[in-house]
Amino acid sequence: MFLTYQDIMGFIVSFIVAILGIAVLILLIVALVKFINTIRKVNKLLDDNAEDIGKTVKKLPELTESIDKTLISVNGTINEVNGTFLAPNPAVNSVTRIADIVENVANVIINLLAKRN
């Protein structure tokens, strides 16, 4: 009984596919082992810090309320500062009025001089 070319090629292809399948299975097993180890570390980390995490979660509403109060206070301060710096300045208004009076007096003098000539 002789082996034909097709028989040999079929055997080689089957062998290569089997080797590749085994390699993929080994890679999957390694990945699964690493994933399981990571999950264990995460669980240990959570267990070790469960008390601190619980305290932090319990303080969150208090912190949120404190931040809200601070923001309201800052907003009020900003409004006061804006009111102080952006309010009309009486000194500026007085200077503007004086400048208007001087301009009017100058116009009257110019008109009088213009009529005499």
PDB file of N, CA and C in Angstrom:
ATOM      1  N   MET A   1       0.835  -1.157   0.000  1.00  0.00           N
ATOM      2  CA  MET A   1       0.000   0.000   0.000  1.00  0.00           C
ATOM      3  C   MET A   1       0.896   1.242   0.000  1.00  0.00           C
ATOM      4  N   PHE A   2       0.652   2.093  -0.965  1.00  0.00           N
ATOM      5  CA  PHE A   2       1.455   3.289  -1.146  1.00  0.00           C
ATOM      6  C   PHE A   2       0.682   4.528  -0.712  1.00  0.00           C
ATOM      7  N   LEU A   3       1.418   5.476  -0.172  1.00  0.00           N
ATOM      8  CA  LEU A   3       0.808   6.751   0.200  1.00  0.00           C
ATOM      9  C   LEU A   3       0.877   7.686  -1.006  1.00  0.00           C
ATOM     10  N   THR A   4      -0.230   8.296  -1.287  1.00  0.00           N
ATOM     11  CA  THR A   4      -0.265   9.228  -2.404  1.00  0.00           C
ATOM     12  C   THR A   4       0.100  10.629  -1.916  1.00  0.00           C
ATOM     13  N   TYR A   5       0.309  11.515  -2.887  1.00  0.00           N
ATOM     14  CA  TYR A   5       0.632  12.905  -2.593  1.00  0.00           C
ATOM     15  C   TYR A   5      -0.496  13.561  -1.805  1.00  0.00           C
ATOM     16  N   GLN A   6      -1.736  13.271  -2.163  1.00  0.00           N
ATOM     17  CA  GLN A   6      -2.902  13.838  -1.471  1.00  0.00           C
ATOM     18  C   GLN A   6      -2.988  13.343  -0.039  1.00  0.00           C
ATOM     19  N   ASP A   7      -2.647  12.105   0.177  1.00  0.00           N
ATOM     20  CA  ASP A   7      -2.660  11.565   1.544  1.00  0.00           C
ATOM     21  C   ASP A   7      -1.619  12.267   2.420  1.00  0.00           C
ATOM     22  N   ILE A   8      -0.435  12.460   1.847  1.00  0.00           N
ATOM     23  CA  ILE A   8       0.643  13.114   2.600  1.00  0.00           C
ATOM     24  C   ILE A   8       0.262  14.576   2.898  1.00  0.00           C
ATOM     25  N   MET A   9      -0.250  15.290   1.894  1.00  0.00           N
ATOM     26  CA  MET A   9      -0.649  16.686   2.086  1.00  0.00           C
ATOM     27  C   MET A   9      -1.805  16.784   3.094  1.00  0.00           C
ATOM     28  N   GLY A  10      -2.741  15.884   3.049  1.00  0.00           N
ATOM     29  CA  GLY A  10      -3.847  15.872   4.007  1.00  0.00           C
ATOM     30  C   GLY A  10      -3.345  15.666   5.420  1.00  0.00           C
ATOM     31  N   PHE A  11      -2.372  14.748   5.555  1.00  0.00           N
ATOM     32  CA  PHE A  11      -1.794  14.499   6.871  1.00  0.00           C
ATOM     33  C   PHE A  11      -1.057  15.742   7.377  1.00  0.00           C
ATOM     34  N   ILE A  12      -0.284  16.399   6.518  1.00  0.00           N
ATOM     35  CA  ILE A  12       0.481  17.594   6.921  1.00  0.00           C
ATOM     36  C   ILE A  12      -0.470  18.726   7.325  1.00  0.00           C
ATOM     37  N   VAL A  13      -1.518  18.939   6.532  1.00  0.00           N
ATOM     38  CA  VAL A  13      -2.481  19.990   6.861  1.00  0.00           C
ATOM     39  C   VAL A  13      -3.173  19.675   8.182  1.00  0.00           C
ATOM     40  N   SER A  14      -3.582  18.429   8.380  1.00  0.00           N
ATOM     41  CA  SER A  14      -4.232  18.035   9.627  1.00  0.00           C
ATOM     42  C   SER A  14      -3.297  18.227  10.812  1.00  0.00           C
ATOM     43  N   PHE A  15      -2.019  17.889  10.614  1.00  0.00           N
ATOM     44  CA  PHE A  15      -1.027  18.031  11.670  1.00  0.00           C
ATOM     45  C   PHE A  15      -0.840  19.515  12.027  1.00  0.00           C
ATOM     46  N   ILE A  16      -0.727  20.373  11.001  1.00  0.00           N
ATOM     47  CA  ILE A  16      -0.548  21.811  11.241  1.00  0.00           C
ATOM     48  C   ILE A  16      -1.765  22.395  11.949  1.00  0.00           C
ATOM     49  N   VAL A  17      -2.965  22.004  11.507  1.00  0.00           N
ATOM     50  CA  VAL A  17      -4.181  22.500  12.150  1.00  0.00           C
ATOM     51  C   VAL A  17      -4.243  22.031  13.595  1.00  0.00           C
ATOM     52  N   ALA A  18      -3.859  20.816  13.864  1.00  0.00           N
ATOM     53  CA  ALA A  18      -3.868  20.299  15.227  1.00  0.00           C
ATOM     54  C   ALA A  18      -2.866  21.064  16.099  1.00  0.00           C
ATOM     55  N   ILE A  19      -1.671  21.323  15.568  1.00  0.00           N
ATOM     56  CA  ILE A  19      -0.649  22.063  16.322  1.00  0.00           C
ATOM     57  C   ILE A  19      -1.142  23.486  16.608  1.00  0.00           C
ATOM     58  N   LEU A  20      -1.728  24.139  15.585  1.00  0.00           N
ATOM     59  CA  LEU A  20      -2.267  25.492  15.789  1.00  0.00           C
ATOM     60  C   LEU A  20      -3.397  25.481  16.820  1.00  0.00           C
ATOM     61  N   GLY A  21      -4.265  24.496  16.784  1.00  0.00           N
ATOM     62  CA  GLY A  21      -5.343  24.383  17.765  1.00  0.00           C
ATOM     63  C   GLY A  21      -4.799  24.232  19.169  1.00  0.00           C
ATOM     64  N   ILE A  22      -3.772  23.402  19.323  1.00  0.00           N
ATOM     65  CA  ILE A  22      -3.154  23.212  20.638  1.00  0.00           C
ATOM     66  C   ILE A  22      -2.524  24.521  21.116  1.00  0.00           C
ATOM     67  N   ALA A  23      -1.858  25.243  20.203  1.00  0.00           N
ATOM     68  CA  ALA A  23      -1.227  26.511  20.576  1.00  0.00           C
ATOM     69  C   ALA A  23      -2.284  27.520  21.022  1.00  0.00           C
ATOM     70  N   VAL A  24      -3.402  27.572  20.305  1.00  0.00           N
ATOM     71  CA  VAL A  24      -4.473  28.489  20.685  1.00  0.00           C
ATOM     72  C   VAL A  24      -5.040  28.099  22.045  1.00  0.00           C
ATOM     73  N   LEU A  25      -5.233  26.838  22.294  1.00  0.00           N
ATOM     74  CA  LEU A  25      -5.733  26.391  23.598  1.00  0.00           C
ATOM     75  C   LEU A  25      -4.767  26.761  24.716  1.00  0.00           C
ATOM     76  N   ILE A  26      -3.478  26.606  24.470  1.00  0.00           N
ATOM     77  CA  ILE A  26      -2.486  26.964  25.487  1.00  0.00           C
ATOM     78  C   ILE A  26      -2.547  28.469  25.767  1.00  0.00           C
ATOM     79  N   LEU A  27      -2.655  29.285  24.699  1.00  0.00           N
ATOM     80  CA  LEU A  27      -2.755  30.728  24.892  1.00  0.00           C
ATOM     81  C   LEU A  27      -4.018  31.098  25.665  1.00  0.00           C
ATOM     82  N   LEU A  28      -5.126  30.432  25.362  1.00  0.00           N
ATOM     83  CA  LEU A  28      -6.365  30.698  26.087  1.00  0.00           C
ATOM     84  C   LEU A  28      -6.245  30.324  27.562  1.00  0.00           C
ATOM     85  N   ILE A  29      -5.585  29.213  27.824  1.00  0.00           N
ATOM     86  CA  ILE A  29      -5.402  28.788  29.223  1.00  0.00           C
ATOM     87  C   ILE A  29      -4.530  29.801  29.965  1.00  0.00           C
ATOM     88  N   VAL A  30      -3.458  30.283  29.342  1.00  0.00           N
ATOM     89  CA  VAL A  30      -2.576  31.271  29.976  1.00  0.00           C
ATOM     90  C   VAL A  30      -3.357  32.560  30.242  1.00  0.00           C
ATOM     91  N   ALA A  31      -4.140  33.004  29.248  1.00  0.00           N
ATOM     92  CA  ALA A  31      -4.929  34.223  29.426  1.00  0.00           C
ATOM     93  C   ALA A  31      -5.946  34.044  30.547  1.00  0.00           C
ATOM     94  N   LEU A  32      -6.589  32.876  30.620  1.00  0.00           N
ATOM     95  CA  LEU A  32      -7.573  32.616  31.666  1.00  0.00           C
ATOM     96  C   LEU A  32      -6.918  32.607  33.039  1.00  0.00           C
ATOM     97  N   VAL A  33      -5.736  32.039  33.155  1.00  0.00           N
ATOM     98  CA  VAL A  33      -5.021  32.009  34.438  1.00  0.00           C
ATOM     99  C   VAL A  33      -4.669  33.440  34.864  1.00  0.00           C
ATOM    100  N   LYS A  34      -4.181  34.261  33.914  1.00  0.00           N
ATOM    101  CA  LYS A  34      -3.849  35.653  34.248  1.00  0.00           C
ATOM    102  C   LYS A  34      -5.098  36.428  34.647  1.00  0.00           C
ATOM    103  N   PHE A  35      -6.205  36.186  33.952  1.00  0.00           N
ATOM    104  CA  PHE A  35      -7.462  36.856  34.278  1.00  0.00           C
ATOM    105  C   PHE A  35      -7.926  36.470  35.677  1.00  0.00           C
ATOM    106  N   ILE A  36      -7.845  35.205  36.010  1.00  0.00           N
ATOM    107  CA  ILE A  36      -8.253  34.737  37.337  1.00  0.00           C
ATOM    108  C   ILE A  36      -7.361  35.354  38.415  1.00  0.00           C
ATOM    109  N   ASN A  37      -6.055  35.424  38.163  1.00  0.00           N
ATOM    110  CA  ASN A  37      -5.144  36.041  39.139  1.00  0.00           C
ATOM    111  C   ASN A  37      -5.471  37.529  39.329  1.00  0.00           C
ATOM    112  N   THR A  38      -5.797  38.209  38.241  1.00  0.00           N
ATOM    113  CA  THR A  38      -6.158  39.619  38.334  1.00  0.00           C
ATOM    114  C   THR A  38      -7.437  39.787  39.155  1.00  0.00           C
ATOM    115  N   ILE A  39      -8.421  38.950  38.905  1.00  0.00           N
ATOM    116  CA  ILE A  39      -9.679  39.009  39.664  1.00  0.00           C
ATOM    117  C   ILE A  39      -9.412  38.758  41.144  1.00  0.00           C
ATOM    118  N   ARG A  40      -8.540  37.843  41.456  1.00  0.00           N
ATOM    119  CA  ARG A  40      -8.202  37.571  42.860  1.00  0.00           C
ATOM    120  C   ARG A  40      -7.554  38.794  43.513  1.00  0.00           C
ATOM    121  N   LYS A  41      -6.642  39.447  42.777  1.00  0.00           N
ATOM    122  CA  LYS A  41      -5.984  40.637  43.319  1.00  0.00           C
ATOM    123  C   LYS A  41      -6.991  41.766  43.543  1.00  0.00           C
ATOM    124  N   VAL A  42      -7.916  41.929  42.601  1.00  0.00           N
ATOM    125  CA  VAL A  42      -8.940  42.968  42.754  1.00  0.00           C
ATOM    126  C   VAL A  42      -9.818  42.663  43.962  1.00  0.00           C
ATOM    127  N   ASN A  43     -10.210  41.413  44.118  1.00  0.00           N
ATOM    128  CA  ASN A  43     -11.028  41.029  45.274  1.00  0.00           C
ATOM    129  C   ASN A  43     -10.274  41.276  46.583  1.00  0.00           C
ATOM    130  N   LYS A  44      -8.982  40.935  46.619  1.00  0.00           N
ATOM    131  CA  LYS A  44      -8.181  41.156  47.814  1.00  0.00           C
ATOM    132  C   LYS A  44      -8.074  42.654  48.108  1.00  0.00           C
ATOM    133  N   LEU A  45      -7.854  43.449  47.057  1.00  0.00           N
ATOM    134  CA  LEU A  45      -7.759  44.896  47.225  1.00  0.00           C
ATOM    135  C   LEU A  45      -9.061  45.463  47.781  1.00  0.00           C
ATOM    136  N   LEU A  46     -10.187  45.016  47.252  1.00  0.00           N
ATOM    137  CA  LEU A  46     -11.486  45.484  47.741  1.00  0.00           C
ATOM    138  C   LEU A  46     -11.728  45.037  49.179  1.00  0.00           C
ATOM    139  N   ASP A  47     -11.358  43.803  49.482  1.00  0.00           N
ATOM    140  CA  ASP A  47     -11.534  43.307  50.850  1.00  0.00           C
ATOM    141  C   ASP A  47     -10.663  44.087  51.837  1.00  0.00           C
ATOM    142  N   ASP A  48      -9.415  44.365  51.444  1.00  0.00           N
ATOM    143  CA  ASP A  48      -8.504  45.097  52.333  1.00  0.00           C
ATOM    144  C   ASP A  48      -8.971  46.531  52.569  1.00  0.00           C
ATOM    145  N   ASN A  49      -9.624  47.121  51.586  1.00  0.00           N
ATOM    146  CA  ASN A  49     -10.015  48.533  51.677  1.00  0.00           C
ATOM    147  C   ASN A  49     -11.521  48.717  51.849  1.00  0.00           C
ATOM    148  N   ALA A  50     -12.235  47.665  52.171  1.00  0.00           N
ATOM    149  CA  ALA A  50     -13.693  47.760  52.273  1.00  0.00           C
ATOM    150  C   ALA A  50     -14.118  48.786  53.318  1.00  0.00           C
ATOM    151  N   GLU A  51     -13.446  48.805  54.464  1.00  0.00           N
ATOM    152  CA  GLU A  51     -13.813  49.741  55.531  1.00  0.00           C
ATOM    153  C   GLU A  51     -13.600  51.190  55.087  1.00  0.00           C
ATOM    154  N   ASP A  52     -12.446  51.453  54.471  1.00  0.00           N
ATOM    155  CA  ASP A  52     -12.154  52.819  54.001  1.00  0.00           C
ATOM    156  C   ASP A  52     -13.111  53.231  52.880  1.00  0.00           C
ATOM    157  N   ILE A  53     -13.416  52.318  51.995  1.00  0.00           N
ATOM    158  CA  ILE A  53     -14.354  52.614  50.908  1.00  0.00           C
ATOM    159  C   ILE A  53     -15.730  52.932  51.485  1.00  0.00           C
ATOM    160  N   GLY A  54     -16.139  52.170  52.489  1.00  0.00           N
ATOM    161  CA  GLY A  54     -17.427  52.428  53.142  1.00  0.00           C
ATOM    162  C   GLY A  54     -17.473  53.802  53.792  1.00  0.00           C
ATOM    163  N   LYS A  55     -16.392  54.171  54.483  1.00  0.00           N
ATOM    164  CA  LYS A  55     -16.334  55.498  55.110  1.00  0.00           C
ATOM    165  C   LYS A  55     -16.412  56.601  54.053  1.00  0.00           C
ATOM    166  N   THR A  56     -15.704  56.409  52.966  1.00  0.00           N
ATOM    167  CA  THR A  56     -15.697  57.420  51.903  1.00  0.00           C
ATOM    168  C   THR A  56     -17.077  57.578  51.288  1.00  0.00           C
ATOM    169  N   VAL A  57     -17.735  56.479  51.040  1.00  0.00           N
ATOM    170  CA  VAL A  57     -19.076  56.528  50.447  1.00  0.00           C
ATOM    171  C   VAL A  57     -20.055  57.204  51.405  1.00  0.00           C
ATOM    172  N   LYS A  58     -19.900  56.962  52.705  1.00  0.00           N
ATOM    173  CA  LYS A  58     -20.788  57.596  53.682  1.00  0.00           C
ATOM    174  C   LYS A  58     -20.549  59.102  53.763  1.00  0.00           C
ATOM    175  N   LYS A  59     -19.310  59.562  53.499  1.00  0.00           N
ATOM    176  CA  LYS A  59     -19.004  60.990  53.570  1.00  0.00           C
ATOM    177  C   LYS A  59     -19.389  61.734  52.302  1.00  0.00           C
ATOM    178  N   LEU A  60     -19.667  61.056  51.219  1.00  0.00           N
ATOM    179  CA  LEU A  60     -19.957  61.737  49.954  1.00  0.00           C
ATOM    180  C   LEU A  60     -21.127  62.721  50.037  1.00  0.00           C
ATOM    181  N   PRO A  61     -22.267  62.372  50.655  1.00  0.00           N
ATOM    182  CA  PRO A  61     -23.343  63.374  50.735  1.00  0.00           C
ATOM    183  C   PRO A  61     -22.925  64.627  51.510  1.00  0.00           C
ATOM    184  N   GLU A  62     -22.187  64.433  52.594  1.00  0.00           N
ATOM    185  CA  GLU A  62     -21.723  65.573  53.388  1.00  0.00           C
ATOM    186  C   GLU A  62     -20.768  66.445  52.566  1.00  0.00           C
ATOM    187  N   LEU A  63     -19.866  65.802  51.831  1.00  0.00           N
ATOM    188  CA  LEU A  63     -18.937  66.552  50.990  1.00  0.00           C
ATOM    189  C   LEU A  63     -19.672  67.307  49.888  1.00  0.00           C
ATOM    190  N   THR A  64     -20.666  66.679  49.306  1.00  0.00           N
ATOM    191  CA  THR A  64     -21.444  67.320  48.247  1.00  0.00           C
ATOM    192  C   THR A  64     -22.158  68.553  48.794  1.00  0.00           C
ATOM    193  N   GLU A  65     -22.734  68.418  49.967  1.00  0.00           N
ATOM    194  CA  GLU A  65     -23.432  69.550  50.592  1.00  0.00           C
ATOM    195  C   GLU A  65     -22.451  70.679  50.903  1.00  0.00           C
ATOM    196  N   SER A  66     -21.274  70.332  51.409  1.00  0.00           N
ATOM    197  CA  SER A  66     -20.259  71.332  51.714  1.00  0.00           C
ATOM    198  C   SER A  66     -19.812  72.059  50.444  1.00  0.00           C
ATOM    199  N   ILE A  67     -19.630  71.323  49.379  1.00  0.00           N
ATOM    200  CA  ILE A  67     -19.229  71.938  48.105  1.00  0.00           C
ATOM    201  C   ILE A  67     -20.327  72.863  47.601  1.00  0.00           C
ATOM    202  N   ASP A  68     -21.591  72.446  47.732  1.00  0.00           N
ATOM    203  CA  ASP A  68     -22.707  73.306  47.316  1.00  0.00           C
ATOM    204  C   ASP A  68     -22.699  74.619  48.097  1.00  0.00           C
ATOM    205  N   LYS A  69     -22.515  74.537  49.428  1.00  0.00           N
ATOM    206  CA  LYS A  69     -22.484  75.753  50.250  1.00  0.00           C
ATOM    207  C   LYS A  69     -21.321  76.654  49.847  1.00  0.00           C
ATOM    208  N   THR A  70     -20.177  76.051  49.599  1.00  0.00           N
ATOM    209  CA  THR A  70     -19.007  76.831  49.196  1.00  0.00           C
ATOM    210  C   THR A  70     -19.247  77.531  47.870  1.00  0.00           C
ATOM    211  N   LEU A  71     -19.836  76.827  46.924  1.00  0.00           N
ATOM    212  CA  LEU A  71     -20.111  77.432  45.624  1.00  0.00           C
ATOM    213  C   LEU A  71     -21.111  78.578  45.740  1.00  0.00           C
ATOM    214  N   ILE A  72     -22.109  78.419  46.584  1.00  0.00           N
ATOM    215  CA  ILE A  72     -23.080  79.498  46.790  1.00  0.00           C
ATOM    216  C   ILE A  72     -22.379  80.710  47.409  1.00  0.00           C
ATOM    217  N   SER A  73     -21.502  80.473  48.383  1.00  0.00           N
ATOM    218  CA  SER A  73     -20.757  81.564  49.022  1.00  0.00           C
ATOM    219  C   SER A  73     -19.849  82.264  48.009  1.00  0.00           C
ATOM    220  N   VAL A  74     -19.162  81.493  47.202  1.00  0.00           N
ATOM    221  CA  VAL A  74     -18.272  82.073  46.184  1.00  0.00           C
ATOM    222  C   VAL A  74     -19.081  82.878  45.181  1.00  0.00           C
ATOM    223  N   ASN A  75     -20.236  82.368  44.797  1.00  0.00           N
ATOM    224  CA  ASN A  75     -21.093  83.090  43.855  1.00  0.00           C
ATOM    225  C   ASN A  75     -21.526  84.430  44.444  1.00  0.00           C
ATOM    226  N   GLY A  76     -21.902  84.448  45.726  1.00  0.00           N
ATOM    227  CA  GLY A  76     -22.279  85.688  46.378  1.00  0.00           C
ATOM    228  C   GLY A  76     -21.115  86.669  46.438  1.00  0.00           C
ATOM    229  N   THR A  77     -19.941  86.168  46.746  1.00  0.00           N
ATOM    230  CA  THR A  77     -18.756  87.030  46.802  1.00  0.00           C
ATOM    231  C   THR A  77     -18.456  87.625  45.428  1.00  0.00           C
ATOM    232  N   ILE A  78     -18.571  86.817  44.400  1.00  0.00           N
ATOM    233  CA  ILE A  78     -18.334  87.303  43.038  1.00  0.00           C
ATOM    234  C   ILE A  78     -19.354  88.379  42.682  1.00  0.00           C
ATOM    235  N   ASN A  79     -20.607  88.162  43.055  1.00  0.00           N
ATOM    236  CA  ASN A  79     -21.625  89.171  42.778  1.00  0.00           C
ATOM    237  C   ASN A  79     -21.321  90.478  43.507  1.00  0.00           C
ATOM    238  N   GLU A  80     -20.854  90.390  44.759  1.00  0.00           N
ATOM    239  CA  GLU A  80     -20.490  91.595  45.509  1.00  0.00           C
ATOM    240  C   GLU A  80     -19.315  92.311  44.853  1.00  0.00           C
ATOM    241  N   VAL A  81     -18.316  91.566  44.451  1.00  0.00           N
ATOM    242  CA  VAL A  81     -17.144  92.159  43.802  1.00  0.00           C
ATOM    243  C   VAL A  81     -17.553  92.813  42.492  1.00  0.00           C
ATOM    244  N   ASN A  82     -18.378  92.135  41.709  1.00  0.00           N
ATOM    245  CA  ASN A  82     -18.857  92.718  40.459  1.00  0.00           C
ATOM    246  C   ASN A  82     -19.647  93.992  40.731  1.00  0.00           C
ATOM    247  N   GLY A  83     -20.471  93.972  41.768  1.00  0.00           N
ATOM    248  CA  GLY A  83     -21.247  95.154  42.121  1.00  0.00           C
ATOM    249  C   GLY A  83     -20.353  96.314  42.522  1.00  0.00           C
ATOM    250  N   THR A  84     -19.254  96.008  43.210  1.00  0.00           N
ATOM    251  CA  THR A  84     -18.339  97.056  43.655  1.00  0.00           C
ATOM    252  C   THR A  84     -17.571  97.661  42.474  1.00  0.00           C
ATOM    253  N   PHE A  85     -17.029  96.810  41.622  1.00  0.00           N
ATOM    254  CA  PHE A  85     -16.184  97.298  40.540  1.00  0.00           C
ATOM    255  C   PHE A  85     -16.973  97.769  39.321  1.00  0.00           C
ATOM    256  N   LEU A  86     -18.151  97.217  39.120  1.00  0.00           N
ATOM    257  CA  LEU A  86     -18.915  97.570  37.931  1.00  0.00           C
ATOM    258  C   LEU A  86     -19.993  98.620  38.204  1.00  0.00           C
ATOM    259  N   ALA A  87     -20.155  99.033  39.460  1.00  0.00           N
ATOM    260  CA  ALA A  87     -21.162 100.045  39.793  1.00  0.00           C
ATOM    261  C   ALA A  87     -20.708 101.398  39.247  1.00  0.00           C
ATOM    262  N   PRO A  88     -21.680 102.242  38.882  1.00  0.00           N
ATOM    263  CA  PRO A  88     -21.298 103.570  38.399  1.00  0.00           C
ATOM    264  C   PRO A  88     -20.574 104.336  39.496  1.00  0.00           C
ATOM    265  N   ASN A  89     -19.496 104.949  39.143  1.00  0.00           N
ATOM    266  CA  ASN A  89     -18.665 105.662  40.101  1.00  0.00           C
ATOM    267  C   ASN A  89     -19.124 107.119  40.156  1.00  0.00           C
ATOM    268  N   PRO A  90     -19.511 107.620  41.346  1.00  0.00           N
ATOM    269  CA  PRO A  90     -19.974 108.999  41.439  1.00  0.00           C
ATOM    270  C   PRO A  90     -18.910 110.013  41.017  1.00  0.00           C
ATOM    271  N   ALA A  91     -17.643 109.721  41.267  1.00  0.00           N
ATOM    272  CA  ALA A  91     -16.576 110.648  40.879  1.00  0.00           C
ATOM    273  C   ALA A  91     -16.512 110.771  39.365  1.00  0.00           C
ATOM    274  N   VAL A  92     -16.677 109.669  38.674  1.00  0.00           N
ATOM    275  CA  VAL A  92     -16.662 109.693  37.216  1.00  0.00           C
ATOM    276  C   VAL A  92     -17.851 110.501  36.707  1.00  0.00           C
ATOM    277  N   ASN A  93     -19.020 110.329  37.339  1.00  0.00           N
ATOM    278  CA  ASN A  93     -20.203 111.087  36.937  1.00  0.00           C
ATOM    279  C   ASN A  93     -19.984 112.581  37.153  1.00  0.00           C
ATOM    280  N   SER A  94     -19.335 112.966  38.261  1.00  0.00           N
ATOM    281  CA  SER A  94     -19.066 114.377  38.542  1.00  0.00           C
ATOM    282  C   SER A  94     -18.118 114.957  37.504  1.00  0.00           C
ATOM    283  N   VAL A  95     -17.090 114.221  37.173  1.00  0.00           N
ATOM    284  CA  VAL A  95     -16.133 114.687  36.168  1.00  0.00           C
ATOM    285  C   VAL A  95     -16.827 114.847  34.824  1.00  0.00           C
ATOM    286  N   THR A  96     -17.704 113.933  34.484  1.00  0.00           N
ATOM    287  CA  THR A  96     -18.440 114.035  33.226  1.00  0.00           C
ATOM    288  C   THR A  96     -19.323 115.275  33.227  1.00  0.00           C
ATOM    289  N   ARG A  97     -19.998 115.532  34.343  1.00  0.00           N
ATOM    290  CA  ARG A  97     -20.842 116.723  34.429  1.00  0.00           C
ATOM    291  C   ARG A  97     -20.018 118.010  34.306  1.00  0.00           C
ATOM    292  N   ILE A  98     -18.876 118.051  34.984  1.00  0.00           N
ATOM    293  CA  ILE A  98     -18.001 119.225  34.906  1.00  0.00           C
ATOM    294  C   ILE A  98     -17.518 119.424  33.469  1.00  0.00           C
ATOM    295  N   ALA A  99     -17.146 118.336  32.807  1.00  0.00           N
ATOM    296  CA  ALA A  99     -16.693 118.434  31.413  1.00  0.00           C
ATOM    297  C   ALA A  99     -17.816 118.954  30.524  1.00  0.00           C
ATOM    298  N   ASP A 100     -19.046 118.517  30.758  1.00  0.00           N
ATOM    299  CA  ASP A 100     -20.190 119.013  29.979  1.00  0.00           C
ATOM    300  C   ASP A 100     -20.386 120.518  30.202  1.00  0.00           C
ATOM    301  N   ILE A 101     -20.258 120.953  31.462  1.00  0.00           N
ATOM    302  CA  ILE A 101     -20.427 122.384  31.779  1.00  0.00           C
ATOM    303  C   ILE A 101     -19.339 123.205  31.085  1.00  0.00           C
ATOM    304  N   VAL A 102     -18.101 122.717  31.178  1.00  0.00           N
ATOM    305  CA  VAL A 102     -16.987 123.432  30.532  1.00  0.00           C
ATOM    306  C   VAL A 102     -17.217 123.500  29.030  1.00  0.00           C
ATOM    307  N   GLU A 103     -17.685 122.430  28.445  1.00  0.00           N
ATOM    308  CA  GLU A 103     -17.959 122.423  27.008  1.00  0.00           C
ATOM    309  C   GLU A 103     -19.055 123.431  26.659  1.00  0.00           C
ATOM    310  N   ASN A 104     -20.112 123.460  27.448  1.00  0.00           N
ATOM    311  CA  ASN A 104     -21.198 124.417  27.203  1.00  0.00           C
ATOM    312  C   ASN A 104     -20.717 125.867  27.335  1.00  0.00           C
ATOM    313  N   VAL A 105     -19.915 126.144  28.360  1.00  0.00           N
ATOM    314  CA  VAL A 105     -19.376 127.502  28.547  1.00  0.00           C
ATOM    315  C   VAL A 105     -18.488 127.875  27.357  1.00  0.00           C
ATOM    316  N   ALA A 106     -17.659 126.915  26.913  1.00  0.00           N
ATOM    317  CA  ALA A 106     -16.783 127.172  25.773  1.00  0.00           C
ATOM    318  C   ALA A 106     -17.607 127.451  24.523  1.00  0.00           C
ATOM    319  N   ASN A 107     -18.687 126.734  24.318  1.00  0.00           N
ATOM    320  CA  ASN A 107     -19.551 126.959  23.153  1.00  0.00           C
ATOM    321  C   ASN A 107     -20.198 128.342  23.215  1.00  0.00           C
ATOM    322  N   VAL A 108     -20.617 128.751  24.414  1.00  0.00           N
ATOM    323  CA  VAL A 108     -21.229 130.078  24.566  1.00  0.00           C
ATOM    324  C   VAL A 108     -20.205 131.166  24.234  1.00  0.00           C
ATOM    325  N   ILE A 109     -18.981 131.013  24.745  1.00  0.00           N
ATOM    326  CA  ILE A 109     -17.928 132.010  24.478  1.00  0.00           C
ATOM    327  C   ILE A 109     -17.612 132.047  22.986  1.00  0.00           C
ATOM    328  N   ILE A 110     -17.522 130.905  22.354  1.00  0.00           N
ATOM    329  CA  ILE A 110     -17.240 130.846  20.904  1.00  0.00           C
ATOM    330  C   ILE A 110     -18.355 131.538  20.129  1.00  0.00           C
ATOM    331  N   ASN A 111     -19.587 131.292  20.515  1.00  0.00           N
ATOM    332  CA  ASN A 111     -20.727 131.923  19.830  1.00  0.00           C
ATOM    333  C   ASN A 111     -20.703 133.445  20.016  1.00  0.00           C
ATOM    334  N   LEU A 112     -20.391 133.914  21.222  1.00  0.00           N
ATOM    335  CA  LEU A 112     -20.333 135.368  21.454  1.00  0.00           C
ATOM    336  C   LEU A 112     -19.234 136.023  20.623  1.00  0.00           C
ATOM    337  N   LEU A 113     -18.088 135.381  20.585  1.00  0.00           N
ATOM    338  CA  LEU A 113     -16.981 135.909  19.796  1.00  0.00           C
ATOM    339  C   LEU A 113     -17.300 135.886  18.310  1.00  0.00           C
ATOM    340  N   ALA A 114     -18.019 134.867  17.896  1.00  0.00           N
ATOM    341  CA  ALA A 114     -18.376 134.754  16.487  1.00  0.00           C
ATOM    342  C   ALA A 114     -19.353 135.859  16.100  1.00  0.00           C
ATOM    343  N   LYS A 115     -20.273 136.229  16.982  1.00  0.00           N
ATOM    344  CA  LYS A 115     -21.252 137.277  16.692  1.00  0.00           C
ATOM    345  C   LYS A 115     -20.584 138.643  16.627  1.00  0.00           C
ATOM    346  N   ARG A 116     -19.553 138.915  17.404  1.00  0.00           N
ATOM    347  CA  ARG A 116     -18.873 140.217  17.433  1.00  0.00           C
ATOM    348  C   ARG A 116     -18.089 140.439  16.144  1.00  0.00           C
ATOM    349  N   ASN A 117     -17.631 139.412  15.555  1.00  0.00           N
ATOM    350  CA  ASN A 117     -16.839 139.585  14.328  1.00  0.00           C
ATOM    351  C   ASN A 117     -17.744 139.684  13.204  1.00  0.00           C
TER     352      ASN A 117
END
